PDB file of N, CA and C in Angstrom:
ATOM      1  N   UNK A   1       0.537  -1.200  -0.037  1.00  0.00           N
ATOM      2  CA  UNK A   1      -0.113   0.156   0.094  1.00  0.00           C
ATOM      3  C   UNK A   1       0.517   1.230   0.018  1.00  0.00           C
ATOM      4  N   UNK A   2       0.635   2.499  -0.935  1.00  0.00           N
ATOM      5  CA  UNK A   2       1.533   3.421  -1.127  1.00  0.00           C
ATOM      6  C   UNK A   2       0.469   4.458  -0.174  1.00  0.00           C
ATOM      7  N   UNK A   3      -0.302   4.340   0.194  1.00  0.00           N
ATOM      8  CA  UNK A   3      -1.319   5.425   0.737  1.00  0.00           C
ATOM      9  C   UNK A   3      -1.792   5.644   1.617  1.00  0.00           C
ATOM     10  N   UNK A   4      -2.114   6.558   2.542  1.00  0.00           N
ATOM     11  CA  UNK A   4      -2.984   6.453   3.432  1.00  0.00           C
ATOM     12  C   UNK A   4      -4.527   6.785   3.126  1.00  0.00           C
ATOM     13  N   UNK A   5      -5.629   6.044   4.001  1.00  0.00           N
ATOM     14  CA  UNK A   5      -6.934   6.334   3.752  1.00  0.00           C
ATOM     15  C   UNK A   5      -7.263   8.070   3.646  1.00  0.00           C
ATOM     16  N   UNK A   6      -8.034   8.505   2.122  1.00  0.00           N
ATOM     17  CA  UNK A   6      -8.377   9.642   2.450  1.00  0.00           C
ATOM     18  C   UNK A   6      -7.642  10.066   1.674  1.00  0.00           C
ATOM     19  N   UNK A   7      -6.018   9.600   1.041  1.00  0.00           N
ATOM     20  CA  UNK A   7      -5.206  10.469   0.265  1.00  0.00           C
ATOM     21  C   UNK A   7      -5.318   9.795  -1.095  1.00  0.00           C
ATOM     22  N   UNK A   8      -5.174  10.334  -2.268  1.00  0.00           N
ATOM     23  CA  UNK A   8      -5.006   9.200  -3.458  1.00  0.00           C
ATOM     24  C   UNK A   8      -3.827   9.815  -4.080  1.00  0.00           C
ATOM     25  N   UNK A   9      -3.207   8.771  -4.474  1.00  0.00           N
ATOM     26  CA  UNK A   9      -1.643   8.790  -5.388  1.00  0.00           C
ATOM     27  C   UNK A   9      -1.821   7.980  -6.571  1.00  0.00           C
ATOM     28  N   UNK A  10      -1.026   8.654  -7.391  1.00  0.00           N
ATOM     29  CA  UNK A  10      -0.849   7.764  -8.542  1.00  0.00           C
ATOM     30  C   UNK A  10       0.566   7.742  -9.070  1.00  0.00           C
ATOM     31  N   UNK A  11       1.252   6.808  -9.326  1.00  0.00           N
ATOM     32  CA  UNK A  11       2.664   6.706  -9.715  1.00  0.00           C
ATOM     33  C   UNK A  11       2.583   6.921 -10.841  1.00  0.00           C
ATOM     34  N   UNK A  12       3.149   7.818 -11.927  1.00  0.00           N
ATOM     35  CA  UNK A  12       3.206   7.788 -13.079  1.00  0.00           C
ATOM     36  C   UNK A  12       4.685   7.258 -13.701  1.00  0.00           C
ATOM     37  N   UNK A  13       4.928   6.348 -14.125  1.00  0.00           N
ATOM     38  CA  UNK A  13       6.127   5.778 -14.514  1.00  0.00           C
ATOM     39  C   UNK A  13       6.012   4.565 -15.872  1.00  0.00           C
ATOM     40  N   UNK A  14       7.059   4.535 -16.361  1.00  0.00           N
ATOM     41  CA  UNK A  14       7.435   3.997 -17.562  1.00  0.00           C
ATOM     42  C   UNK A  14       7.420   2.436 -17.084  1.00  0.00           C
ATOM     43  N   UNK A  15       8.389   2.037 -16.479  1.00  0.00           N
ATOM     44  CA  UNK A  15       8.581   0.793 -15.893  1.00  0.00           C
ATOM     45  C   UNK A  15       7.463   0.177 -15.296  1.00  0.00           C
ATOM     46  N   UNK A  16       6.540  -1.205 -16.473  1.00  0.00           N
ATOM     47  CA  UNK A  16       5.622  -1.858 -15.660  1.00  0.00           C
ATOM     48  C   UNK A  16       5.445  -2.503 -14.679  1.00  0.00           C
ATOM     49  N   UNK A  17       6.768  -2.595 -14.316  1.00  0.00           N
ATOM     50  CA  UNK A  17       6.739  -3.369 -13.103  1.00  0.00           C
ATOM     51  C   UNK A  17       5.926  -2.898 -11.824  1.00  0.00           C
ATOM     52  N   UNK A  18       5.914  -1.745 -11.861  1.00  0.00           N
ATOM     53  CA  UNK A  18       5.102  -0.810 -10.960  1.00  0.00           C
ATOM     54  C   UNK A  18       3.602  -1.148 -11.172  1.00  0.00           C
ATOM     55  N   UNK A  19       3.207  -1.772 -12.185  1.00  0.00           N
ATOM     56  CA  UNK A  19       1.702  -2.332 -12.339  1.00  0.00           C
ATOM     57  C   UNK A  19       1.092  -2.947 -11.121  1.00  0.00           C
ATOM     58  N   UNK A  20       2.310  -3.370 -10.049  1.00  0.00           N
ATOM     59  CA  UNK A  20       1.515  -4.085  -8.888  1.00  0.00           C
ATOM     60  C   UNK A  20       0.978  -3.387  -8.267  1.00  0.00           C
ATOM     61  N   UNK A  21       0.860  -1.876  -8.324  1.00  0.00           N
ATOM     62  CA  UNK A  21       0.290  -1.177  -7.709  1.00  0.00           C
ATOM     63  C   UNK A  21      -1.448  -0.663  -8.269  1.00  0.00           C
ATOM     64  N   UNK A  22      -1.397  -1.952  -9.062  1.00  0.00           N
ATOM     65  CA  UNK A  22      -3.092  -1.414  -9.483  1.00  0.00           C
ATOM     66  C   UNK A  22      -3.575  -0.444 -10.016  1.00  0.00           C
ATOM     67  N   UNK A  23      -4.329   0.247  -9.685  1.00  0.00           N
ATOM     68  CA  UNK A  23      -4.846   1.608 -10.172  1.00  0.00           C
ATOM     69  C   UNK A  23      -4.421   2.806 -10.072  1.00  0.00           C
ATOM     70  N   UNK A  24      -3.373   2.277  -8.812  1.00  0.00           N
ATOM     71  CA  UNK A  24      -2.334   3.888  -8.714  1.00  0.00           C
ATOM     72  C   UNK A  24      -1.435   4.131  -9.605  1.00  0.00           C
ATOM     73  N   UNK A  25      -0.824   2.873 -10.167  1.00  0.00           N
ATOM     74  CA  UNK A  25      -0.180   2.941 -11.917  1.00  0.00           C
ATOM     75  C   UNK A  25      -0.532   3.617 -12.709  1.00  0.00           C
ATOM     76  N   UNK A  26       0.029   4.494 -13.337  1.00  0.00           N
ATOM     77  CA  UNK A  26      -0.080   5.144 -14.798  1.00  0.00           C
ATOM     78  C   UNK A  26       0.803   4.884 -15.592  1.00  0.00           C
ATOM     79  N   UNK A  27       0.715   4.099 -16.808  1.00  0.00           N
ATOM     80  CA  UNK A  27       1.931   4.210 -17.666  1.00  0.00           C
ATOM     81  C   UNK A  27       1.966   5.570 -17.776  1.00  0.00           C
ATOM     82  N   UNK A  28       3.561   6.089 -17.829  1.00  0.00           N
ATOM     83  CA  UNK A  28       4.104   7.366 -18.284  1.00  0.00           C
ATOM     84  C   UNK A  28       5.273   7.291 -18.972  1.00  0.00           C
ATOM     85  N   UNK A  29       4.842   7.982 -20.536  1.00  0.00           N
ATOM     86  CA  UNK A  29       6.196   7.864 -21.175  1.00  0.00           C
ATOM     87  C   UNK A  29       6.350   9.388 -21.639  1.00  0.00           C
ATOM     88  N   UNK A  30       7.480   9.997 -20.752  1.00  0.00           N
ATOM     89  CA  UNK A  30       7.710  11.229 -21.047  1.00  0.00           C
ATOM     90  C   UNK A  30       7.909  12.158 -22.465  1.00  0.00           C
ATOM     91  N   UNK A  31       7.795  11.419 -23.249  1.00  0.00           N
ATOM     92  CA  UNK A  31       7.893  11.119 -24.736  1.00  0.00           C
ATOM     93  C   UNK A  31       6.456  11.892 -25.404  1.00  0.00           C
ATOM     94  N   UNK A  32       5.397  11.570 -24.434  1.00  0.00           N
ATOM     95  CA  UNK A  32       3.950  12.031 -24.773  1.00  0.00           C
ATOM     96  C   UNK A  32       3.563  12.452 -23.237  1.00  0.00           C
ATOM     97  N   UNK A  33       4.125  13.630 -23.356  1.00  0.00           N
ATOM     98  CA  UNK A  33       3.446  14.094 -21.924  1.00  0.00           C
ATOM     99  C   UNK A  33       2.591  14.779 -21.482  1.00  0.00           C
ATOM    100  N   UNK A  34       1.296  14.596 -22.437  1.00  0.00           N
ATOM    101  CA  UNK A  34       0.099  15.264 -22.163  1.00  0.00           C
ATOM    102  C   UNK A  34      -0.813  14.028 -22.490  1.00  0.00           C
ATOM    103  N   UNK A  35      -0.384  12.815 -22.770  1.00  0.00           N
ATOM    104  CA  UNK A  35      -1.379  11.412 -22.414  1.00  0.00           C
ATOM    105  C   UNK A  35      -1.507  10.911 -21.627  1.00  0.00           C
ATOM    106  N   UNK A  36      -2.568  11.529 -20.811  1.00  0.00           N
ATOM    107  CA  UNK A  36      -2.652  11.463 -19.414  1.00  0.00           C
ATOM    108  C   UNK A  36      -4.050  10.597 -19.500  1.00  0.00           C
ATOM    109  N   UNK A  37      -4.659   9.553 -18.838  1.00  0.00           N
ATOM    110  CA  UNK A  37      -5.916   8.854 -18.884  1.00  0.00           C
ATOM    111  C   UNK A  37      -6.859   9.725 -18.279  1.00  0.00           C
ATOM    112  N   UNK A  38      -8.260   9.684 -19.410  1.00  0.00           N
ATOM    113  CA  UNK A  38      -9.121  10.759 -18.856  1.00  0.00           C
ATOM    114  C   UNK A  38      -9.813  10.725 -17.694  1.00  0.00           C
ATOM    115  N   UNK A  39      -9.456   9.833 -16.758  1.00  0.00           N
ATOM    116  CA  UNK A  39     -10.218   9.973 -15.658  1.00  0.00           C
ATOM    117  C   UNK A  39      -9.056  10.750 -14.300  1.00  0.00           C
ATOM    118  N   UNK A  40      -7.819  11.422 -15.228  1.00  0.00           N
ATOM    119  CA  UNK A  40      -7.259  12.108 -14.151  1.00  0.00           C
ATOM    120  C   UNK A  40      -7.504  13.589 -14.730  1.00  0.00           C
ATOM    121  N   UNK A  41      -8.118  14.728 -14.015  1.00  0.00           N
ATOM    122  CA  UNK A  41      -8.427  15.974 -14.711  1.00  0.00           C
ATOM    123  C   UNK A  41      -7.054  16.902 -14.592  1.00  0.00           C
ATOM    124  N   UNK A  42      -7.067  17.804 -15.110  1.00  0.00           N
ATOM    125  CA  UNK A  42      -6.112  18.833 -15.404  1.00  0.00           C
ATOM    126  C   UNK A  42      -6.383  19.501 -13.782  1.00  0.00           C
ATOM    127  N   UNK A  43      -4.713  19.664 -13.215  1.00  0.00           N
ATOM    128  CA  UNK A  43      -5.163  20.456 -11.846  1.00  0.00           C
ATOM    129  C   UNK A  43      -5.340  19.816 -11.082  1.00  0.00           C
ATOM    130  N   UNK A  44      -5.349  18.502 -10.902  1.00  0.00           N
ATOM    131  CA  UNK A  44      -5.878  17.646  -9.864  1.00  0.00           C
ATOM    132  C   UNK A  44      -5.225  17.367  -8.803  1.00  0.00           C
ATOM    133  N   UNK A  45      -3.860  17.340  -8.879  1.00  0.00           N
ATOM    134  CA  UNK A  45      -2.913  16.954  -7.398  1.00  0.00           C
ATOM    135  C   UNK A  45      -2.352  18.501  -6.961  1.00  0.00           C
ATOM    136  N   UNK A  46      -2.587  18.238  -5.598  1.00  0.00           N
ATOM    137  CA  UNK A  46      -2.059  19.253  -4.663  1.00  0.00           C
ATOM    138  C   UNK A  46      -0.550  19.456  -4.676  1.00  0.00           C
ATOM    139  N   UNK A  47       0.026  18.074  -4.662  1.00  0.00           N
ATOM    140  CA  UNK A  47       1.821  18.221  -4.554  1.00  0.00           C
ATOM    141  C   UNK A  47       1.921  17.156  -5.815  1.00  0.00           C
ATOM    142  N   UNK A  48       2.958  17.602  -6.671  1.00  0.00           N
ATOM    143  CA  UNK A  48       3.388  16.587  -7.466  1.00  0.00           C
ATOM    144  C   UNK A  48       5.008  16.019  -7.227  1.00  0.00           C
ATOM    145  N   UNK A  49       5.281  14.900  -7.194  1.00  0.00           N
ATOM    146  CA  UNK A  49       6.558  14.546  -6.632  1.00  0.00           C
ATOM    147  C   UNK A  49       7.104  13.742  -8.147  1.00  0.00           C
ATOM    148  N   UNK A  50       8.388  14.989  -8.896  1.00  0.00           N
ATOM    149  CA  UNK A  50       8.919  14.286 -10.078  1.00  0.00           C
ATOM    150  C   UNK A  50      10.311  13.610  -9.881  1.00  0.00           C
ATOM    151  N   UNK A  51      10.602  12.497 -10.568  1.00  0.00           N
ATOM    152  CA  UNK A  51      11.624  12.227 -10.715  1.00  0.00           C
ATOM    153  C   UNK A  51      12.526  11.885 -12.216  1.00  0.00           C
ATOM    154  N   UNK A  52      12.366  12.926 -13.101  1.00  0.00           N
ATOM    155  CA  UNK A  52      12.634  13.144 -14.539  1.00  0.00           C
ATOM    156  C   UNK A  52      13.806  11.918 -14.672  1.00  0.00           C
ATOM    157  N   UNK A  53      13.343  10.962 -15.911  1.00  0.00           N
ATOM    158  CA  UNK A  53      14.473   9.709 -16.166  1.00  0.00           C
ATOM    159  C   UNK A  53      15.630  10.059 -16.647  1.00  0.00           C
ATOM    160  N   UNK A  54      15.973  11.310 -17.238  1.00  0.00           N
ATOM    161  CA  UNK A  54      16.755  11.722 -18.104  1.00  0.00           C
ATOM    162  C   UNK A  54      17.685  13.207 -17.410  1.00  0.00           C
ATOM    163  N   UNK A  55      18.859  13.332 -17.499  1.00  0.00           N
ATOM    164  CA  UNK A  55      19.105  14.619 -17.542  1.00  0.00           C
ATOM    165  C   UNK A  55      19.330  16.045 -18.400  1.00  0.00           C
ATOM    166  N   UNK A  56      18.452  15.719 -19.488  1.00  0.00           N
ATOM    167  CA  UNK A  56      18.471  16.588 -20.661  1.00  0.00           C
ATOM    168  C   UNK A  56      17.453  17.622 -20.488  1.00  0.00           C
ATOM    169  N   UNK A  57      17.526  18.661 -21.311  1.00  0.00           N
ATOM    170  CA  UNK A  57      16.698  19.907 -21.202  1.00  0.00           C
ATOM    171  C   UNK A  57      15.437  19.340 -22.053  1.00  0.00           C
ATOM    172  N   UNK A  58      15.957  18.291 -23.100  1.00  0.00           N
ATOM    173  CA  UNK A  58      14.262  17.866 -23.611  1.00  0.00           C
ATOM    174  C   UNK A  58      13.416  17.462 -22.804  1.00  0.00           C
ATOM    175  N   UNK A  59      14.007  16.230 -21.940  1.00  0.00           N
ATOM    176  CA  UNK A  59      13.508  15.685 -21.063  1.00  0.00           C
ATOM    177  C   UNK A  59      12.678  16.620 -19.947  1.00  0.00           C
ATOM    178  N   UNK A  60      13.268  17.281 -19.453  1.00  0.00           N
ATOM    179  CA  UNK A  60      12.761  18.300 -18.456  1.00  0.00           C
ATOM    180  C   UNK A  60      11.743  19.202 -18.729  1.00  0.00           C
ATOM    181  N   UNK A  61      11.762  19.264 -20.434  1.00  0.00           N
ATOM    182  CA  UNK A  61      11.031  20.324 -20.868  1.00  0.00           C
ATOM    183  C   UNK A  61       9.426  19.728 -21.172  1.00  0.00           C
ATOM    184  N   UNK A  62       9.454  18.199 -21.363  1.00  0.00           N
ATOM    185  CA  UNK A  62       8.467  17.288 -21.802  1.00  0.00           C
ATOM    186  C   UNK A  62       7.574  16.873 -20.415  1.00  0.00           C
ATOM    187  N   UNK A  63       8.504  16.660 -19.243  1.00  0.00           N
ATOM    188  CA  UNK A  63       8.175  16.453 -18.143  1.00  0.00           C
ATOM    189  C   UNK A  63       7.239  17.968 -17.621  1.00  0.00           C
ATOM    190  N   UNK A  64       8.161  18.649 -17.722  1.00  0.00           N
ATOM    191  CA  UNK A  64       7.174  20.102 -17.463  1.00  0.00           C
ATOM    192  C   UNK A  64       5.795  20.339 -17.641  1.00  0.00           C
ATOM    193  N   UNK A  65       5.903  19.738 -18.856  1.00  0.00           N
ATOM    194  CA  UNK A  65       4.267  19.808 -19.293  1.00  0.00           C
ATOM    195  C   UNK A  65       3.479  18.762 -18.895  1.00  0.00           C
ATOM    196  N   UNK A  66       3.919  17.830 -18.053  1.00  0.00           N
ATOM    197  CA  UNK A  66       3.148  16.813 -17.503  1.00  0.00           C
ATOM    198  C   UNK A  66       2.828  17.326 -16.448  1.00  0.00           C
ATOM    199  N   UNK A  67       3.837  17.918 -15.500  1.00  0.00           N
ATOM    200  CA  UNK A  67       3.634  18.617 -14.208  1.00  0.00           C
ATOM    201  C   UNK A  67       2.860  20.141 -14.436  1.00  0.00           C
ATOM    202  N   UNK A  68       2.822  20.812 -14.977  1.00  0.00           N
ATOM    203  CA  UNK A  68       2.032  21.550 -15.206  1.00  0.00           C
ATOM    204  C   UNK A  68       0.447  21.441 -15.996  1.00  0.00           C
ATOM    205  N   UNK A  69       0.314  20.483 -16.105  1.00  0.00           N
ATOM    206  CA  UNK A  69      -0.937  20.019 -16.414  1.00  0.00           C
ATOM    207  C   UNK A  69      -1.778  19.322 -14.757  1.00  0.00           C
ATOM    208  N   UNK A  70      -0.682  18.470 -14.232  1.00  0.00           N
ATOM    209  CA  UNK A  70      -1.591  17.859 -13.544  1.00  0.00           C
ATOM    210  C   UNK A  70      -1.442  18.644 -11.727  1.00  0.00           C
ATOM    211  N   UNK A  71      -0.527  19.585 -11.589  1.00  0.00           N
ATOM    212  CA  UNK A  71      -0.207  20.342 -10.303  1.00  0.00           C
ATOM    213  C   UNK A  71      -1.166  21.187 -10.259  1.00  0.00           C
ATOM    214  N   UNK A  72      -1.576  21.630  -8.929  1.00  0.00           N
ATOM    215  CA  UNK A  72      -2.251  22.557  -8.261  1.00  0.00           C
ATOM    216  C   UNK A  72      -1.868  23.978  -8.567  1.00  0.00           C
ATOM    217  N   UNK A  73      -0.508  23.427  -7.514  1.00  0.00           N
ATOM    218  CA  UNK A  73       0.457  24.527  -7.043  1.00  0.00           C
ATOM    219  C   UNK A  73       1.927  24.249  -6.537  1.00  0.00           C
ATOM    220  N   UNK A  74       1.945  22.884  -6.210  1.00  0.00           N
ATOM    221  CA  UNK A  74       3.343  22.839  -5.432  1.00  0.00           C
ATOM    222  C   UNK A  74       4.006  21.377  -5.924  1.00  0.00           C
ATOM    223  N   UNK A  75       5.504  21.644  -6.460  1.00  0.00           N
ATOM    224  CA  UNK A  75       6.290  20.523  -6.750  1.00  0.00           C
ATOM    225  C   UNK A  75       7.382  20.249  -6.020  1.00  0.00           C
ATOM    226  N   UNK A  76       7.436  19.148  -5.669  1.00  0.00           N
ATOM    227  CA  UNK A  76       8.773  18.364  -5.343  1.00  0.00           C
ATOM    228  C   UNK A  76       9.641  17.778  -6.654  1.00  0.00           C
ATOM    229  N   UNK A  77      11.152  18.165  -6.659  1.00  0.00           N
ATOM    230  CA  UNK A  77      11.498  17.399  -7.813  1.00  0.00           C
ATOM    231  C   UNK A  77      12.889  17.318  -7.366  1.00  0.00           C
ATOM    232  N   UNK A  78      13.168  15.476  -7.570  1.00  0.00           N
ATOM    233  CA  UNK A  78      14.552  15.354  -7.418  1.00  0.00           C
ATOM    234  C   UNK A  78      15.397  14.911  -8.459  1.00  0.00           C
ATOM    235  N   UNK A  79      16.608  15.655  -9.057  1.00  0.00           N
ATOM    236  CA  UNK A  79      17.313  15.664 -10.035  1.00  0.00           C
ATOM    237  C   UNK A  79      18.645  16.150  -9.418  1.00  0.00           C
ATOM    238  N   UNK A  80      19.409  15.565 -10.697  1.00  0.00           N
ATOM    239  CA  UNK A  80      20.831  16.168 -10.538  1.00  0.00           C
ATOM    240  C   UNK A  80      21.283  17.639 -10.350  1.00  0.00           C
ATOM    241  N   UNK A  81      21.821  17.697  -9.335  1.00  0.00           N
ATOM    242  CA  UNK A  81      22.428  19.247  -9.347  1.00  0.00           C
ATOM    243  C   UNK A  81      22.762  20.021 -10.490  1.00  0.00           C
ATOM    244  N   UNK A  82      23.531  19.405 -11.598  1.00  0.00           N
ATOM    245  CA  UNK A  82      24.054  20.319 -12.809  1.00  0.00           C
ATOM    246  C   UNK A  82      23.161  20.499 -13.310  1.00  0.00           C
ATOM    247  N   UNK A  83      21.703  20.347 -13.023  1.00  0.00           N
ATOM    248  CA  UNK A  83      20.828  20.552 -13.853  1.00  0.00           C
ATOM    249  C   UNK A  83      19.856  22.068 -13.227  1.00  0.00           C
ATOM    250  N   UNK A  84      20.536  22.538 -12.125  1.00  0.00           N
ATOM    251  CA  UNK A  84      19.922  23.394 -11.356  1.00  0.00           C
ATOM    252  C   UNK A  84      18.882  24.747 -12.100  1.00  0.00           C
ATOM    253  N   UNK A  85      20.222  25.344 -13.120  1.00  0.00           N
ATOM    254  CA  UNK A  85      19.417  26.273 -13.883  1.00  0.00           C
ATOM    255  C   UNK A  85      18.242  25.749 -14.674  1.00  0.00           C
ATOM    256  N   UNK A  86      18.113  24.737 -15.270  1.00  0.00           N
ATOM    257  CA  UNK A  86      17.307  24.306 -16.426  1.00  0.00           C
ATOM    258  C   UNK A  86      15.946  23.974 -15.103  1.00  0.00           C
ATOM    259  N   UNK A  87      16.053  23.641 -14.001  1.00  0.00           N
ATOM    260  CA  UNK A  87      14.961  23.257 -12.914  1.00  0.00           C
ATOM    261  C   UNK A  87      14.205  24.774 -12.358  1.00  0.00           C
ATOM    262  N   UNK A  88      15.013  25.432 -12.264  1.00  0.00           N
ATOM    263  CA  UNK A  88      14.958  26.853 -11.952  1.00  0.00           C
ATOM    264  C   UNK A  88      14.027  27.718 -13.178  1.00  0.00           C
ATOM    265  N   UNK A  89      14.546  27.323 -14.311  1.00  0.00           N
ATOM    266  CA  UNK A  89      13.729  28.097 -15.389  1.00  0.00           C
ATOM    267  C   UNK A  89      12.507  27.758 -15.693  1.00  0.00           C
ATOM    268  N   UNK A  90      12.430  26.136 -15.819  1.00  0.00           N
ATOM    269  CA  UNK A  90      10.947  25.722 -16.391  1.00  0.00           C
ATOM    270  C   UNK A  90      10.295  25.473 -15.009  1.00  0.00           C
ATOM    271  N   UNK A  91      10.557  25.124 -13.842  1.00  0.00           N
ATOM    272  CA  UNK A  91       9.624  24.555 -12.613  1.00  0.00           C
ATOM    273  C   UNK A  91       9.669  25.963 -11.563  1.00  0.00           C
ATOM    274  N   UNK A  92      10.642  26.852 -11.670  1.00  0.00           N
ATOM    275  CA  UNK A  92      10.675  28.267 -10.453  1.00  0.00           C
ATOM    276  C   UNK A  92      10.807  27.070  -9.409  1.00  0.00           C
ATOM    277  N   UNK A  93      11.841  25.923  -9.457  1.00  0.00           N
ATOM    278  CA  UNK A  93      12.230  25.448  -8.072  1.00  0.00           C
ATOM    279  C   UNK A  93      13.366  25.765  -7.730  1.00  0.00           C
ATOM    280  N   UNK A  94      13.496  25.949  -6.343  1.00  0.00           N
ATOM    281  CA  UNK A  94      14.898  26.128  -5.590  1.00  0.00           C
ATOM    282  C   UNK A  94      15.288  25.053  -4.732  1.00  0.00           C
ATOM    283  N   UNK A  95      16.568  24.877  -4.751  1.00  0.00           N
ATOM    284  CA  UNK A  95      17.208  23.511  -4.194  1.00  0.00           C
ATOM    285  C   UNK A  95      16.707  23.559  -2.486  1.00  0.00           C
ATOM    286  N   UNK A  96      16.902  22.430  -2.085  1.00  0.00           N
ATOM    287  CA  UNK A  96      16.606  22.283  -0.953  1.00  0.00           C
ATOM    288  C   UNK A  96      17.550  22.000   0.008  1.00  0.00           C
ATOM    289  N   UNK A  97      17.724  21.849   1.287  1.00  0.00           N
ATOM    290  CA  UNK A  97      18.872  21.177   2.387  1.00  0.00           C
ATOM    291  C   UNK A  97      18.639  20.107   2.432  1.00  0.00           C
ATOM    292  N   UNK A  98      17.404  19.281   2.021  1.00  0.00           N
ATOM    293  CA  UNK A  98      17.347  17.872   2.128  1.00  0.00           C
ATOM    294  C   UNK A  98      17.861  17.331   0.793  1.00  0.00           C
ATOM    295  N   UNK A  99      19.032  16.426   0.936  1.00  0.00           N
ATOM    296  CA  UNK A  99      19.770  15.767  -0.374  1.00  0.00           C
ATOM    297  C   UNK A  99      19.202  14.044   0.090  1.00  0.00           C
ATOM    298  N   UNK A 100      18.430  13.692  -0.955  1.00  0.00           N
ATOM    299  CA  UNK A 100      18.048  12.516  -1.246  1.00  0.00           C
ATOM    300  C   UNK A 100      19.324  11.410  -1.317  1.00  0.00           C
ATOM    301  N   UNK A 101      19.381  10.351  -0.954  1.00  0.00           N
ATOM    302  CA  UNK A 101      20.271   9.340  -0.854  1.00  0.00           C
ATOM    303  C   UNK A 101      19.766   7.944  -1.536  1.00  0.00           C
ATOM    304  N   UNK A 102      20.565   7.244  -2.570  1.00  0.00           N
ATOM    305  CA  UNK A 102      20.271   5.904  -3.154  1.00  0.00           C
ATOM    306  C   UNK A 102      20.937   4.778  -2.255  1.00  0.00           C
ATOM    307  N   UNK A 103      20.214   3.928  -2.532  1.00  0.00           N
ATOM    308  CA  UNK A 103      20.877   2.675  -2.131  1.00  0.00           C
ATOM    309  C   UNK A 103      21.809   2.326  -3.082  1.00  0.00           C
ATOM    310  N   UNK A 104      22.063   2.379  -4.073  1.00  0.00           N
ATOM    311  CA  UNK A 104      23.255   2.183  -4.941  1.00  0.00           C
ATOM    312  C   UNK A 104      24.240   3.687  -5.491  1.00  0.00           C
ATOM    313  N   UNK A 105      25.303   3.891  -5.481  1.00  0.00           N
ATOM    314  CA  UNK A 105      25.877   5.366  -5.417  1.00  0.00           C
ATOM    315  C   UNK A 105      25.597   5.900  -7.294  1.00  0.00           C
ATOM    316  N   UNK A 106      25.353   6.862  -6.757  1.00  0.00           N
ATOM    317  CA  UNK A 106      24.906   7.527  -8.383  1.00  0.00           C
ATOM    318  C   UNK A 106      26.342   8.220  -8.877  1.00  0.00           C
ATOM    319  N   UNK A 107      26.434   8.827 -10.309  1.00  0.00           N
ATOM    320  CA  UNK A 107      27.989   9.203 -10.841  1.00  0.00           C
ATOM    321  C   UNK A 107      27.701  10.666 -10.386  1.00  0.00           C
ATOM    322  N   UNK A 108      26.146  10.957 -10.322  1.00  0.00           N
ATOM    323  CA  UNK A 108      25.834  12.509 -10.257  1.00  0.00           C
ATOM    324  C   UNK A 108      25.209  12.998  -9.034  1.00  0.00           C
ATOM    325  N   UNK A 109      25.898  14.255  -8.739  1.00  0.00           N
ATOM    326  CA  UNK A 109      25.204  14.814  -7.407  1.00  0.00           C
ATOM    327  C   UNK A 109      23.861  15.080  -7.442  1.00  0.00           C
ATOM    328  N   UNK A 110      23.067  14.789  -6.432  1.00  0.00           N
ATOM    329  CA  UNK A 110      21.688  14.715  -6.473  1.00  0.00           C
ATOM    330  C   UNK A 110      20.911  15.594  -5.609  1.00  0.00           C
ATOM    331  N   UNK A 111      20.121  16.219  -5.890  1.00  0.00           N
ATOM    332  CA  UNK A 111      19.515  17.375  -5.050  1.00  0.00           C
ATOM    333  C   UNK A 111      17.646  17.054  -5.066  1.00  0.00           C
ATOM    334  N   UNK A 112      17.059  17.925  -4.221  1.00  0.00           N
ATOM    335  CA  UNK A 112      15.886  17.861  -3.958  1.00  0.00           C
ATOM    336  C   UNK A 112      15.429  19.740  -4.439  1.00  0.00           C
ATOM    337  N   UNK A 113      14.286  19.903  -5.021  1.00  0.00           N
ATOM    338  CA  UNK A 113      13.929  21.165  -5.244  1.00  0.00           C
ATOM    339  C   UNK A 113      12.393  21.406  -4.939  1.00  0.00           C
ATOM    340  N   UNK A 114      12.352  22.321  -4.724  1.00  0.00           N
ATOM    341  CA  UNK A 114      10.765  22.910  -4.731  1.00  0.00           C
ATOM    342  C   UNK A 114      10.233  24.149  -5.205  1.00  0.00           C
ATOM    343  N   UNK A 115       9.104  24.383  -5.465  1.00  0.00           N
ATOM    344  CA  UNK A 115       8.668  25.398  -6.194  1.00  0.00           C
ATOM    345  C   UNK A 115       7.929  26.165  -5.064  1.00  0.00           C
ATOM    346  N   UNK A 116       8.031  26.076  -3.954  1.00  0.00           N
ATOM    347  CA  UNK A 116       7.239  26.819  -2.830  1.00  0.00           C
ATOM    348  C   UNK A 116       8.034  27.004  -1.490  1.00  0.00           C
ATOM    349  N   UNK A 117       7.883  27.721  -0.927  1.00  0.00           N
ATOM    350  CA  UNK A 117       8.716  28.200   0.289  1.00  0.00           C
ATOM    351  C   UNK A 117       8.588  26.875   1.153  1.00  0.00           C
ATOM    352  N   UNK A 118       9.886  26.305   1.910  1.00  0.00           N
ATOM    353  CA  UNK A 118       9.499  25.458   2.686  1.00  0.00           C
ATOM    354  C   UNK A 118      10.557  25.702   3.745  1.00  0.00           C
ATOM    355  N   UNK A 119      10.630  24.413   4.851  1.00  0.00           N
ATOM    356  CA  UNK A 119      11.562  24.564   5.734  1.00  0.00           C
ATOM    357  C   UNK A 119      12.705  23.944   5.310  1.00  0.00           C
ATOM    358  N   UNK A 120      12.568  23.401   4.171  1.00  0.00           N
ATOM    359  CA  UNK A 120      13.833  22.221   3.337  1.00  0.00           C
ATOM    360  C   UNK A 120      14.267  23.329   2.741  1.00  0.00           C
ATOM    361  N   UNK A 121      13.649  24.549   2.075  1.00  0.00           N
ATOM    362  CA  UNK A 121      14.549  25.589   1.220  1.00  0.00           C
ATOM    363  C   UNK A 121      15.715  26.221   1.829  1.00  0.00           C
ATOM    364  N   UNK A 122      17.090  26.375   1.122  1.00  0.00           N
ATOM    365  CA  UNK A 122      18.510  26.828   1.724  1.00  0.00           C
ATOM    366  C   UNK A 122      18.181  28.066   1.959  1.00  0.00           C
TER     367      UNK A 122
END
């Protein structure tokens, strides 16, 4: 279970192994950023958490289309430190003090950003 009672969560993911989450799973291909199921209306999420699959401006631009369609106003995005300028430009997000960790080591420095004021902001 990935949610508490009264809270709707959808996982937009390309990897179909996550279909084990049932109707909470939405197949997502960033190359089709607005291919959203009809039962998920525009501006339907209070908070969107994003972890784009690639550190390219093309990927971020397409993910931004999806994020802007889905979110009411709050975004948390975890991605590489080296794309901070792109994140600030496309998502109006600022880096946080919180630094996500991975079980396996990553070659790139990883950061968390928000587009709203948070106690986690630098």
